[in-house]
Amino acid sequence: RILFLTHAFNSLSQRLFAELSADGHRVSV
């Protein structure tokens, strides 16, 4: 379970969110 703590859901955050979710992690923002 990975929590993203981020200022905004920008291009970097979106890419990491999508890739880590595809890796099987459960990602919340």
mmCIF file of all heavy atoms, coordinates in Angstrom:
data_MODEL
# 
_entry.id   MODEL 
# 
loop_
_atom_site.group_PDB 
_atom_site.id 
_atom_site.type_symbol 
_atom_site.label_atom_id 
_atom_site.label_alt_id 
_atom_site.label_comp_id 
_atom_site.label_asym_id 
_atom_site.label_entity_id 
_atom_site.label_seq_id 
_atom_site.pdbx_PDB_ins_code 
_atom_site.Cartn_x 
_atom_site.Cartn_y 
_atom_site.Cartn_z 
_atom_site.occupancy 
_atom_site.B_iso_or_equiv 
_atom_site.pdbx_formal_charge 
_atom_site.auth_seq_id 
_atom_site.auth_comp_id 
_atom_site.auth_asym_id 
_atom_site.auth_atom_id 
_atom_site.pdbx_PDB_model_num 
ATOM 1   N N   . ARG A 1 1  ? 0.863  -1.180 0.000   1.00 0.00 ? 1  ARG A N   1 
ATOM 2   C CA  . ARG A 1 1  ? 0.000  0.000  0.000   1.00 0.00 ? 1  ARG A CA  1 
ATOM 3   C C   . ARG A 1 1  ? 0.898  1.227  0.000   1.00 0.00 ? 1  ARG A C   1 
ATOM 4   O O   . ARG A 1 1  ? 1.706  1.420  0.920   1.00 0.00 ? 1  ARG A O   1 
ATOM 5   C CB  . ARG A 1 1  ? -0.913 0.022  1.228   1.00 0.00 ? 1  ARG A CB  1 
ATOM 6   C CG  . ARG A 1 1  ? -1.995 -1.034 1.231   1.00 0.00 ? 1  ARG A CG  1 
ATOM 7   C CD  . ARG A 1 1  ? -2.992 -0.825 2.369   1.00 0.00 ? 1  ARG A CD  1 
ATOM 8   N NE  . ARG A 1 1  ? -2.363 -0.605 3.650   1.00 0.00 ? 1  ARG A NE  1 
ATOM 9   C CZ  . ARG A 1 1  ? -1.787 -1.547 4.396   1.00 0.00 ? 1  ARG A CZ  1 
ATOM 10  N NH1 . ARG A 1 1  ? -1.750 -2.803 3.944   1.00 0.00 ? 1  ARG A NH1 1 
ATOM 11  N NH2 . ARG A 1 1  ? -1.256 -1.259 5.556   1.00 0.00 ? 1  ARG A NH2 1 
ATOM 12  N N   . ILE A 1 2  ? 0.764  2.030  -1.031  1.00 0.00 ? 2  ILE A N   1 
ATOM 13  C CA  . ILE A 1 2  ? 1.621  3.207  -1.198  1.00 0.00 ? 2  ILE A CA  1 
ATOM 14  C C   . ILE A 1 2  ? 0.746  4.444  -1.195  1.00 0.00 ? 2  ILE A C   1 
ATOM 15  O O   . ILE A 1 2  ? -0.195 4.553  -2.000  1.00 0.00 ? 2  ILE A O   1 
ATOM 16  C CB  . ILE A 1 2  ? 2.425  3.132  -2.504  1.00 0.00 ? 2  ILE A CB  1 
ATOM 17  C CG1 . ILE A 1 2  ? 3.301  1.875  -2.531  1.00 0.00 ? 2  ILE A CG1 1 
ATOM 18  C CG2 . ILE A 1 2  ? 3.281  4.391  -2.675  1.00 0.00 ? 2  ILE A CG2 1 
ATOM 19  C CD1 . ILE A 1 2  ? 3.989  1.646  -3.863  1.00 0.00 ? 2  ILE A CD1 1 
ATOM 20  N N   . LEU A 1 3  ? 1.033  5.363  -0.302  1.00 0.00 ? 3  LEU A N   1 
ATOM 21  C CA  . LEU A 1 3  ? 0.324  6.635  -0.269  1.00 0.00 ? 3  LEU A CA  1 
ATOM 22  C C   . LEU A 1 3  ? 1.176  7.692  -0.958  1.00 0.00 ? 3  LEU A C   1 
ATOM 23  O O   . LEU A 1 3  ? 2.323  7.907  -0.587  1.00 0.00 ? 3  LEU A O   1 
ATOM 24  C CB  . LEU A 1 3  ? 0.047  7.067  1.171   1.00 0.00 ? 3  LEU A CB  1 
ATOM 25  C CG  . LEU A 1 3  ? -0.649 8.431  1.321   1.00 0.00 ? 3  LEU A CG  1 
ATOM 26  C CD1 . LEU A 1 3  ? -2.070 8.374  0.754   1.00 0.00 ? 3  LEU A CD1 1 
ATOM 27  C CD2 . LEU A 1 3  ? -0.663 8.892  2.773   1.00 0.00 ? 3  LEU A CD2 1 
ATOM 28  N N   . PHE A 1 4  ? 0.624  8.317  -1.989  1.00 0.00 ? 4  PHE A N   1 
ATOM 29  C CA  . PHE A 1 4  ? 1.274  9.461  -2.620  1.00 0.00 ? 4  PHE A CA  1 
ATOM 30  C C   . PHE A 1 4  ? 0.861  10.716 -1.844  1.00 0.00 ? 4  PHE A C   1 
ATOM 31  O O   . PHE A 1 4  ? -0.332 11.021 -1.745  1.00 0.00 ? 4  PHE A O   1 
ATOM 32  C CB  . PHE A 1 4  ? 0.816  9.619  -4.068  1.00 0.00 ? 4  PHE A CB  1 
ATOM 33  C CG  . PHE A 1 4  ? 1.568  8.795  -5.064  1.00 0.00 ? 4  PHE A CG  1 
ATOM 34  C CD1 . PHE A 1 4  ? 2.341  7.716  -4.670  1.00 0.00 ? 4  PHE A CD1 1 
ATOM 35  C CD2 . PHE A 1 4  ? 1.503  9.078  -6.422  1.00 0.00 ? 4  PHE A CD2 1 
ATOM 36  C CE1 . PHE A 1 4  ? 3.027  6.947  -5.599  1.00 0.00 ? 4  PHE A CE1 1 
ATOM 37  C CE2 . PHE A 1 4  ? 2.187  8.325  -7.362  1.00 0.00 ? 4  PHE A CE2 1 
ATOM 38  C CZ  . PHE A 1 4  ? 2.954  7.252  -6.941  1.00 0.00 ? 4  PHE A CZ  1 
ATOM 39  N N   . LEU A 1 5  ? 1.830  11.409 -1.306  1.00 0.00 ? 5  LEU A N   1 
ATOM 40  C CA  . LEU A 1 5  ? 1.599  12.731 -0.729  1.00 0.00 ? 5  LEU A CA  1 
ATOM 41  C C   . LEU A 1 5  ? 2.209  13.724 -1.707  1.00 0.00 ? 5  LEU A C   1 
ATOM 42  O O   . LEU A 1 5  ? 3.428  13.749 -1.896  1.00 0.00 ? 5  LEU A O   1 
ATOM 43  C CB  . LEU A 1 5  ? 2.257  12.848 0.648   1.00 0.00 ? 5  LEU A CB  1 
ATOM 44  C CG  . LEU A 1 5  ? 2.006  14.143 1.429   1.00 0.00 ? 5  LEU A CG  1 
ATOM 45  C CD1 . LEU A 1 5  ? 0.518  14.346 1.672   1.00 0.00 ? 5  LEU A CD1 1 
ATOM 46  C CD2 . LEU A 1 5  ? 2.767  14.130 2.742   1.00 0.00 ? 5  LEU A CD2 1 
ATOM 47  N N   . THR A 1 6  ? 1.365  14.497 -2.377  1.00 0.00 ? 6  THR A N   1 
ATOM 48  C CA  . THR A 1 6  ? 1.843  15.311 -3.494  1.00 0.00 ? 6  THR A CA  1 
ATOM 49  C C   . THR A 1 6  ? 1.119  16.646 -3.547  1.00 0.00 ? 6  THR A C   1 
ATOM 50  O O   . THR A 1 6  ? -0.030 16.764 -3.096  1.00 0.00 ? 6  THR A O   1 
ATOM 51  C CB  . THR A 1 6  ? 1.662  14.550 -4.823  1.00 0.00 ? 6  THR A CB  1 
ATOM 52  O OG1 . THR A 1 6  ? 2.198  15.294 -5.898  1.00 0.00 ? 6  THR A OG1 1 
ATOM 53  C CG2 . THR A 1 6  ? 0.190  14.245 -5.095  1.00 0.00 ? 6  THR A CG2 1 
ATOM 54  N N   . HIS A 1 7  ? 1.801  17.653 -4.074  1.00 0.00 ? 7  HIS A N   1 
ATOM 55  C CA  . HIS A 1 7  ? 1.197  18.981 -4.197  1.00 0.00 ? 7  HIS A CA  1 
ATOM 56  C C   . HIS A 1 7  ? 0.083  18.983 -5.239  1.00 0.00 ? 7  HIS A C   1 
ATOM 57  O O   . HIS A 1 7  ? -0.924 19.682 -5.083  1.00 0.00 ? 7  HIS A O   1 
ATOM 58  C CB  . HIS A 1 7  ? 2.276  20.004 -4.581  1.00 0.00 ? 7  HIS A CB  1 
ATOM 59  C CG  . HIS A 1 7  ? 1.751  21.383 -4.789  1.00 0.00 ? 7  HIS A CG  1 
ATOM 60  N ND1 . HIS A 1 7  ? 1.379  22.199 -3.737  1.00 0.00 ? 7  HIS A ND1 1 
ATOM 61  C CD2 . HIS A 1 7  ? 1.510  22.099 -5.926  1.00 0.00 ? 7  HIS A CD2 1 
ATOM 62  C CE1 . HIS A 1 7  ? 0.942  23.353 -4.220  1.00 0.00 ? 7  HIS A CE1 1 
ATOM 63  N NE2 . HIS A 1 7  ? 1.011  23.318 -5.531  1.00 0.00 ? 7  HIS A NE2 1 
ATOM 64  N N   . ALA A 1 8  ? 0.265  18.202 -6.299  1.00 0.00 ? 8  ALA A N   1 
ATOM 65  C CA  . ALA A 1 8  ? -0.733 18.120 -7.371  1.00 0.00 ? 8  ALA A CA  1 
ATOM 66  C C   . ALA A 1 8  ? -0.531 16.814 -8.118  1.00 0.00 ? 8  ALA A C   1 
ATOM 67  O O   . ALA A 1 8  ? 0.530  16.184 -8.034  1.00 0.00 ? 8  ALA A O   1 
ATOM 68  C CB  . ALA A 1 8  ? -0.610 19.309 -8.322  1.00 0.00 ? 8  ALA A CB  1 
ATOM 69  N N   . PHE A 1 9  ? -1.545 16.410 -8.848  1.00 0.00 ? 9  PHE A N   1 
ATOM 70  C CA  . PHE A 1 9  ? -1.465 15.175 -9.636  1.00 0.00 ? 9  PHE A CA  1 
ATOM 71  C C   . PHE A 1 9  ? -0.927 15.541 -11.016 1.00 0.00 ? 9  PHE A C   1 
ATOM 72  O O   . PHE A 1 9  ? -1.641 15.518 -12.017 1.00 0.00 ? 9  PHE A O   1 
ATOM 73  C CB  . PHE A 1 9  ? -2.846 14.548 -9.726  1.00 0.00 ? 9  PHE A CB  1 
ATOM 74  C CG  . PHE A 1 9  ? -2.841 13.072 -10.041 1.00 0.00 ? 9  PHE A CG  1 
ATOM 75  C CD1 . PHE A 1 9  ? -2.006 12.188 -9.379  1.00 0.00 ? 9  PHE A CD1 1 
ATOM 76  C CD2 . PHE A 1 9  ? -3.707 12.554 -10.992 1.00 0.00 ? 9  PHE A CD2 1 
ATOM 77  C CE1 . PHE A 1 9  ? -2.014 10.831 -9.656  1.00 0.00 ? 9  PHE A CE1 1 
ATOM 78  C CE2 . PHE A 1 9  ? -3.736 11.204 -11.280 1.00 0.00 ? 9  PHE A CE2 1 
ATOM 79  C CZ  . PHE A 1 9  ? -2.885 10.332 -10.617 1.00 0.00 ? 9  PHE A CZ  1 
ATOM 80  N N   . ASN A 1 10 ? 0.362  15.880 -11.058 1.00 0.00 ? 10 ASN A N   1 
ATOM 81  C CA  . ASN A 1 10 ? 0.985  16.362 -12.281 1.00 0.00 ? 10 ASN A CA  1 
ATOM 82  C C   . ASN A 1 10 ? 1.461  15.190 -13.143 1.00 0.00 ? 10 ASN A C   1 
ATOM 83  O O   . ASN A 1 10 ? 1.168  14.024 -12.852 1.00 0.00 ? 10 ASN A O   1 
ATOM 84  C CB  . ASN A 1 10 ? 2.130  17.321 -11.955 1.00 0.00 ? 10 ASN A CB  1 
ATOM 85  C CG  . ASN A 1 10 ? 3.286  16.640 -11.231 1.00 0.00 ? 10 ASN A CG  1 
ATOM 86  O OD1 . ASN A 1 10 ? 3.210  15.484 -10.831 1.00 0.00 ? 10 ASN A OD1 1 
ATOM 87  N ND2 . ASN A 1 10 ? 4.371  17.367 -11.049 1.00 0.00 ? 10 ASN A ND2 1 
ATOM 88  N N   . SER A 1 11 ? 2.207  15.502 -14.210 1.00 0.00 ? 11 SER A N   1 
ATOM 89  C CA  . SER A 1 11 ? 2.616  14.463 -15.156 1.00 0.00 ? 11 SER A CA  1 
ATOM 90  C C   . SER A 1 11 ? 3.470  13.385 -14.494 1.00 0.00 ? 11 SER A C   1 
ATOM 91  O O   . SER A 1 11 ? 3.296  12.191 -14.774 1.00 0.00 ? 11 SER A O   1 
ATOM 92  C CB  . SER A 1 11 ? 3.375  15.090 -16.329 1.00 0.00 ? 11 SER A CB  1 
ATOM 93  O OG  . SER A 1 11 ? 4.519  15.806 -15.873 1.00 0.00 ? 11 SER A OG  1 
ATOM 94  N N   . LEU A 1 12 ? 4.378  13.784 -13.609 1.00 0.00 ? 12 LEU A N   1 
ATOM 95  C CA  . LEU A 1 12 ? 5.215  12.810 -12.912 1.00 0.00 ? 12 LEU A CA  1 
ATOM 96  C C   . LEU A 1 12 ? 4.374  11.947 -11.981 1.00 0.00 ? 12 LEU A C   1 
ATOM 97  O O   . LEU A 1 12 ? 4.497  10.715 -11.966 1.00 0.00 ? 12 LEU A O   1 
ATOM 98  C CB  . LEU A 1 12 ? 6.304  13.538 -12.128 1.00 0.00 ? 12 LEU A CB  1 
ATOM 99  C CG  . LEU A 1 12 ? 7.150  12.685 -11.183 1.00 0.00 ? 12 LEU A CG  1 
ATOM 100 C CD1 . LEU A 1 12 ? 7.875  11.587 -11.938 1.00 0.00 ? 12 LEU A CD1 1 
ATOM 101 C CD2 . LEU A 1 12 ? 8.145  13.561 -10.419 1.00 0.00 ? 12 LEU A CD2 1 
ATOM 102 N N   . SER A 1 13 ? 3.493  12.564 -11.207 1.00 0.00 ? 13 SER A N   1 
ATOM 103 C CA  . SER A 1 13 ? 2.650  11.812 -10.286 1.00 0.00 ? 13 SER A CA  1 
ATOM 104 C C   . SER A 1 13 ? 1.755  10.834 -11.040 1.00 0.00 ? 13 SER A C   1 
ATOM 105 O O   . SER A 1 13 ? 1.563  9.688  -10.607 1.00 0.00 ? 13 SER A O   1 
ATOM 106 C CB  . SER A 1 13 ? 1.792  12.772 -9.461  1.00 0.00 ? 13 SER A CB  1 
ATOM 107 O OG  . SER A 1 13 ? 2.588  13.684 -8.738  1.00 0.00 ? 13 SER A OG  1 
ATOM 108 N N   . GLN A 1 14 ? 1.209  11.269 -12.165 1.00 0.00 ? 14 GLN A N   1 
ATOM 109 C CA  . GLN A 1 14 ? 0.333  10.394 -12.944 1.00 0.00 ? 14 GLN A CA  1 
ATOM 110 C C   . GLN A 1 14 ? 1.090  9.190  -13.485 1.00 0.00 ? 14 GLN A C   1 
ATOM 111 O O   . GLN A 1 14 ? 0.593  8.062  -13.447 1.00 0.00 ? 14 GLN A O   1 
ATOM 112 C CB  . GLN A 1 14 ? -0.304 11.175 -14.095 1.00 0.00 ? 14 GLN A CB  1 
ATOM 113 C CG  . GLN A 1 14 ? -1.338 12.180 -13.659 1.00 0.00 ? 14 GLN A CG  1 
ATOM 114 C CD  . GLN A 1 14 ? -2.077 12.794 -14.831 1.00 0.00 ? 14 GLN A CD  1 
ATOM 115 O OE1 . GLN A 1 14 ? -2.267 12.166 -15.863 1.00 0.00 ? 14 GLN A OE1 1 
ATOM 116 N NE2 . GLN A 1 14 ? -2.503 14.033 -14.685 1.00 0.00 ? 14 GLN A NE2 1 
ATOM 117 N N   . ARG A 1 15 ? 2.284  9.425  -14.013 1.00 0.00 ? 15 ARG A N   1 
ATOM 118 C CA  . ARG A 1 15 ? 3.075  8.317  -14.562 1.00 0.00 ? 15 ARG A CA  1 
ATOM 119 C C   . ARG A 1 15 ? 3.423  7.319  -13.456 1.00 0.00 ? 15 ARG A C   1 
ATOM 120 O O   . ARG A 1 15 ? 3.276  6.094  -13.642 1.00 0.00 ? 15 ARG A O   1 
ATOM 121 C CB  . ARG A 1 15 ? 4.335  8.872  -15.214 1.00 0.00 ? 15 ARG A CB  1 
ATOM 122 C CG  . ARG A 1 15 ? 5.326  7.805  -15.712 1.00 0.00 ? 15 ARG A CG  1 
ATOM 123 C CD  . ARG A 1 15 ? 4.939  7.207  -17.036 1.00 0.00 ? 15 ARG A CD  1 
ATOM 124 N NE  . ARG A 1 15 ? 5.872  6.168  -17.452 1.00 0.00 ? 15 ARG A NE  1 
ATOM 125 C CZ  . ARG A 1 15 ? 7.066  6.402  -18.030 1.00 0.00 ? 15 ARG A CZ  1 
ATOM 126 N NH1 . ARG A 1 15 ? 7.451  7.651  -18.281 1.00 0.00 ? 15 ARG A NH1 1 
ATOM 127 N NH2 . ARG A 1 15 ? 7.843  5.399  -18.387 1.00 0.00 ? 15 ARG A NH2 1 
ATOM 128 N N   . LEU A 1 16 ? 3.890  7.813  -12.321 1.00 0.00 ? 16 LEU A N   1 
ATOM 129 C CA  . LEU A 1 16 ? 4.243  6.914  -11.222 1.00 0.00 ? 16 LEU A CA  1 
ATOM 130 C C   . LEU A 1 16 ? 3.003  6.165  -10.721 1.00 0.00 ? 16 LEU A C   1 
ATOM 131 O O   . LEU A 1 16 ? 3.057  4.963  -10.449 1.00 0.00 ? 16 LEU A O   1 
ATOM 132 C CB  . LEU A 1 16 ? 4.878  7.703  -10.077 1.00 0.00 ? 16 LEU A CB  1 
ATOM 133 C CG  . LEU A 1 16 ? 6.274  8.271  -10.317 1.00 0.00 ? 16 LEU A CG  1 
ATOM 134 C CD1 . LEU A 1 16 ? 6.738  9.062  -9.112  1.00 0.00 ? 16 LEU A CD1 1 
ATOM 135 C CD2 . LEU A 1 16 ? 7.280  7.174  -10.638 1.00 0.00 ? 16 LEU A CD2 1 
ATOM 136 N N   . PHE A 1 17 ? 1.881  6.864  -10.598 1.00 0.00 ? 17 PHE A N   1 
ATOM 137 C CA  . PHE A 1 17 ? 0.641  6.242  -10.152 1.00 0.00 ? 17 PHE A CA  1 
ATOM 138 C C   . PHE A 1 17 ? 0.260  5.090  -11.086 1.00 0.00 ? 17 PHE A C   1 
ATOM 139 O O   . PHE A 1 17 ? -0.043 3.977  -10.637 1.00 0.00 ? 17 PHE A O   1 
ATOM 140 C CB  . PHE A 1 17 ? -0.467 7.289  -10.117 1.00 0.00 ? 17 PHE A CB  1 
ATOM 141 C CG  . PHE A 1 17 ? -1.826 6.757  -9.747  1.00 0.00 ? 17 PHE A CG  1 
ATOM 142 C CD1 . PHE A 1 17 ? -2.255 6.772  -8.431  1.00 0.00 ? 17 PHE A CD1 1 
ATOM 143 C CD2 . PHE A 1 17 ? -2.681 6.244  -10.717 1.00 0.00 ? 17 PHE A CD2 1 
ATOM 144 C CE1 . PHE A 1 17 ? -3.504 6.282  -8.083  1.00 0.00 ? 17 PHE A CE1 1 
ATOM 145 C CE2 . PHE A 1 17 ? -3.934 5.750  -10.379 1.00 0.00 ? 17 PHE A CE2 1 
ATOM 146 C CZ  . PHE A 1 17 ? -4.345 5.762  -9.065  1.00 0.00 ? 17 PHE A CZ  1 
ATOM 147 N N   . ALA A 1 18 ? 0.280  5.354  -12.386 1.00 0.00 ? 18 ALA A N   1 
ATOM 148 C CA  . ALA A 1 18 ? -0.129 4.339  -13.355 1.00 0.00 ? 18 ALA A CA  1 
ATOM 149 C C   . ALA A 1 18 ? 0.846  3.170  -13.394 1.00 0.00 ? 18 ALA A C   1 
ATOM 150 O O   . ALA A 1 18 ? 0.436  1.997  -13.445 1.00 0.00 ? 18 ALA A O   1 
ATOM 151 C CB  . ALA A 1 18 ? -0.259 4.972  -14.744 1.00 0.00 ? 18 ALA A CB  1 
ATOM 152 N N   . GLU A 1 19 ? 2.129  3.466  -13.364 1.00 0.00 ? 19 GLU A N   1 
ATOM 153 C CA  . GLU A 1 19 ? 3.139  2.400  -13.451 1.00 0.00 ? 19 GLU A CA  1 
ATOM 154 C C   . GLU A 1 19 ? 3.149  1.539  -12.187 1.00 0.00 ? 19 GLU A C   1 
ATOM 155 O O   . GLU A 1 19 ? 3.209  0.307  -12.269 1.00 0.00 ? 19 GLU A O   1 
ATOM 156 C CB  . GLU A 1 19 ? 4.528  3.010  -13.678 1.00 0.00 ? 19 GLU A CB  1 
ATOM 157 C CG  . GLU A 1 19 ? 4.704  3.728  -15.017 1.00 0.00 ? 19 GLU A CG  1 
ATOM 158 C CD  . GLU A 1 19 ? 5.073  2.800  -16.153 1.00 0.00 ? 19 GLU A CD  1 
ATOM 159 O OE1 . GLU A 1 19 ? 5.033  1.562  -15.959 1.00 0.00 ? 19 GLU A OE1 1 
ATOM 160 O OE2 . GLU A 1 19 ? 5.413  3.308  -17.240 1.00 0.00 ? 19 GLU A OE2 1 
ATOM 161 N N   . LEU A 1 20 ? 3.106  2.161  -11.017 1.00 0.00 ? 20 LEU A N   1 
ATOM 162 C CA  . LEU A 1 20 ? 3.153  1.385  -9.775  1.00 0.00 ? 20 LEU A CA  1 
ATOM 163 C C   . LEU A 1 20 ? 1.866  0.594  -9.581  1.00 0.00 ? 20 LEU A C   1 
ATOM 164 O O   . LEU A 1 20 ? 1.889  -0.520 -9.039  1.00 0.00 ? 20 LEU A O   1 
ATOM 165 C CB  . LEU A 1 20 ? 3.404  2.317  -8.584  1.00 0.00 ? 20 LEU A CB  1 
ATOM 166 C CG  . LEU A 1 20 ? 4.744  3.057  -8.595  1.00 0.00 ? 20 LEU A CG  1 
ATOM 167 C CD1 . LEU A 1 20 ? 4.915  3.870  -7.321  1.00 0.00 ? 20 LEU A CD1 1 
ATOM 168 C CD2 . LEU A 1 20 ? 5.920  2.099  -8.782  1.00 0.00 ? 20 LEU A CD2 1 
ATOM 169 N N   . SER A 1 21 ? 0.743  1.149  -10.021 1.00 0.00 ? 21 SER A N   1 
ATOM 170 C CA  . SER A 1 21 ? -0.505 0.390  -9.975  1.00 0.00 ? 21 SER A CA  1 
ATOM 171 C C   . SER A 1 21 ? -0.409 -0.827 -10.883 1.00 0.00 ? 21 SER A C   1 
ATOM 172 O O   . SER A 1 21 ? -0.858 -1.922 -10.518 1.00 0.00 ? 21 SER A O   1 
ATOM 173 C CB  . SER A 1 21 ? -1.684 1.270  -10.391 1.00 0.00 ? 21 SER A CB  1 
ATOM 174 O OG  . SER A 1 21 ? -1.861 2.354  -9.497  1.00 0.00 ? 21 SER A OG  1 
ATOM 175 N N   . ALA A 1 22 ? 0.182  -0.648 -12.073 1.00 0.00 ? 22 ALA A N   1 
ATOM 176 C CA  . ALA A 1 22 ? 0.373  -1.770 -12.992 1.00 0.00 ? 22 ALA A CA  1 
ATOM 177 C C   . ALA A 1 22 ? 1.323  -2.815 -12.412 1.00 0.00 ? 22 ALA A C   1 
ATOM 178 O O   . ALA A 1 22 ? 1.214  -4.006 -12.735 1.00 0.00 ? 22 ALA A O   1 
ATOM 179 C CB  . ALA A 1 22 ? 0.898  -1.262 -14.337 1.00 0.00 ? 22 ALA A CB  1 
ATOM 180 N N   . ASP A 1 23 ? 2.249  -2.376 -11.548 1.00 0.00 ? 23 ASP A N   1 
ATOM 181 C CA  . ASP A 1 23 ? 3.179  -3.309 -10.900 1.00 0.00 ? 23 ASP A CA  1 
ATOM 182 C C   . ASP A 1 23 ? 2.500  -4.137 -9.818  1.00 0.00 ? 23 ASP A C   1 
ATOM 183 O O   . ASP A 1 23 ? 3.116  -5.051 -9.256  1.00 0.00 ? 23 ASP A O   1 
ATOM 184 C CB  . ASP A 1 23 ? 4.346  -2.538 -10.273 1.00 0.00 ? 23 ASP A CB  1 
ATOM 185 C CG  . ASP A 1 23 ? 5.293  -1.950 -11.316 1.00 0.00 ? 23 ASP A CG  1 
ATOM 186 O OD1 . ASP A 1 23 ? 5.198  -2.339 -12.493 1.00 0.00 ? 23 ASP A OD1 1 
ATOM 187 O OD2 . ASP A 1 23 ? 6.122  -1.098 -10.947 1.00 0.00 ? 23 ASP A OD2 1 
ATOM 188 N N   . GLY A 1 24 ? 1.250  -3.801 -9.486  1.00 0.00 ? 24 GLY A N   1 
ATOM 189 C CA  . GLY A 1 24 ? 0.522  -4.563 -8.479  1.00 0.00 ? 24 GLY A CA  1 
ATOM 190 C C   . GLY A 1 24 ? 0.389  -3.881 -7.139  1.00 0.00 ? 24 GLY A C   1 
ATOM 191 O O   . GLY A 1 24 ? -0.230 -4.438 -6.222  1.00 0.00 ? 24 GLY A O   1 
ATOM 192 N N   . HIS A 1 25 ? 0.937  -2.689 -6.996  1.00 0.00 ? 25 HIS A N   1 
ATOM 193 C CA  . HIS A 1 25 ? 0.805  -1.959 -5.736  1.00 0.00 ? 25 HIS A CA  1 
ATOM 194 C C   . HIS A 1 25 ? -0.566 -1.301 -5.652  1.00 0.00 ? 25 HIS A C   1 
ATOM 195 O O   . HIS A 1 25 ? -1.186 -0.985 -6.677  1.00 0.00 ? 25 HIS A O   1 
ATOM 196 C CB  . HIS A 1 25 ? 1.891  -0.889 -5.620  1.00 0.00 ? 25 HIS A CB  1 
ATOM 197 C CG  . HIS A 1 25 ? 3.286  -1.438 -5.663  1.00 0.00 ? 25 HIS A CG  1 
ATOM 198 N ND1 . HIS A 1 25 ? 3.801  -2.234 -4.668  1.00 0.00 ? 25 HIS A ND1 1 
ATOM 199 C CD2 . HIS A 1 25 ? 4.268  -1.307 -6.597  1.00 0.00 ? 25 HIS A CD2 1 
ATOM 200 C CE1 . HIS A 1 25 ? 5.053  -2.566 -4.979  1.00 0.00 ? 25 HIS A CE1 1 
ATOM 201 N NE2 . HIS A 1 25 ? 5.357  -2.021 -6.144  1.00 0.00 ? 25 HIS A NE2 1 
ATOM 202 N N   . ARG A 1 26 ? -1.028 -1.073 -4.443  1.00 0.00 ? 26 ARG A N   1 
ATOM 203 C CA  . ARG A 1 26 ? -2.279 -0.337 -4.246  1.00 0.00 ? 26 ARG A CA  1 
ATOM 204 C C   . ARG A 1 26 ? -1.900 1.093  -3.883  1.00 0.00 ? 26 ARG A C   1 
ATOM 205 O O   . ARG A 1 26 ? -1.334 1.344  -2.818  1.00 0.00 ? 26 ARG A O   1 
ATOM 206 C CB  . ARG A 1 26 ? -3.114 -0.964 -3.149  1.00 0.00 ? 26 ARG A CB  1 
ATOM 207 C CG  . ARG A 1 26 ? -4.519 -0.394 -3.087  1.00 0.00 ? 26 ARG A CG  1 
ATOM 208 C CD  . ARG A 1 26 ? -5.476 -1.343 -2.411  1.00 0.00 ? 26 ARG A CD  1 
ATOM 209 N NE  . ARG A 1 26 ? -6.858 -0.997 -2.718  1.00 0.00 ? 26 ARG A NE  1 
ATOM 210 C CZ  . ARG A 1 26 ? -7.895 -1.661 -2.233  1.00 0.00 ? 26 ARG A CZ  1 
ATOM 211 N NH1 . ARG A 1 26 ? -7.719 -2.706 -1.455  1.00 0.00 ? 26 ARG A NH1 1 
ATOM 212 N NH2 . ARG A 1 26 ? -9.133 -1.299 -2.542  1.00 0.00 ? 26 ARG A NH2 1 
ATOM 213 N N   . VAL A 1 27 ? -2.205 2.005  -4.788  1.00 0.00 ? 27 VAL A N   1 
ATOM 214 C CA  . VAL A 1 27 ? -1.747 3.383  -4.644  1.00 0.00 ? 27 VAL A CA  1 
ATOM 215 C C   . VAL A 1 27 ? -2.936 4.295  -4.373  1.00 0.00 ? 27 VAL A C   1 
ATOM 216 O O   . VAL A 1 27 ? -3.938 4.260  -5.095  1.00 0.00 ? 27 VAL A O   1 
ATOM 217 C CB  . VAL A 1 27 ? -1.006 3.874  -5.909  1.00 0.00 ? 27 VAL A CB  1 
ATOM 218 C CG1 . VAL A 1 27 ? -0.435 5.275  -5.680  1.00 0.00 ? 27 VAL A CG1 1 
ATOM 219 C CG2 . VAL A 1 27 ? 0.107  2.903  -6.290  1.00 0.00 ? 27 VAL A CG2 1 
ATOM 220 N N   . SER A 1 28 ? -2.820 5.097  -3.323  1.00 0.00 ? 28 SER A N   1 
ATOM 221 C CA  . SER A 1 28 ? -3.813 6.110  -3.016  1.00 0.00 ? 28 SER A CA  1 
ATOM 222 C C   . SER A 1 28 ? -3.117 7.456  -2.948  1.00 0.00 ? 28 SER A C   1 
ATOM 223 O O   . SER A 1 28 ? -1.910 7.525  -2.679  1.00 0.00 ? 28 SER A O   1 
ATOM 224 C CB  . SER A 1 28 ? -4.509 5.796  -1.690  1.00 0.00 ? 28 SER A CB  1 
ATOM 225 O OG  . SER A 1 28 ? -5.641 6.632  -1.497  1.00 0.00 ? 28 SER A OG  1 
ATOM 226 N N   . VAL A 1 29 ? -3.866 8.523  -3.213  1.00 0.00 ? 29 VAL A N   1 
ATOM 227 C CA  . VAL A 1 29 ? -3.272 9.854  -3.340  1.00 0.00 ? 29 VAL A CA  1 
ATOM 228 C C   . VAL A 1 29 ? -3.913 10.810 -2.348  1.00 0.00 ? 29 VAL A C   1 
ATOM 229 O O   . VAL A 1 29 ? -5.136 10.790 -2.153  1.00 0.00 ? 29 VAL A O   1 
ATOM 230 C CB  . VAL A 1 29 ? -3.466 10.404 -4.774  1.00 0.00 ? 29 VAL A CB  1 
ATOM 231 C CG1 . VAL A 1 29 ? -2.870 11.805 -4.906  1.00 0.00 ? 29 VAL A CG1 1 
ATOM 232 C CG2 . VAL A 1 29 ? -2.854 9.454  -5.803  1.00 0.00 ? 29 VAL A CG2 1 
# 
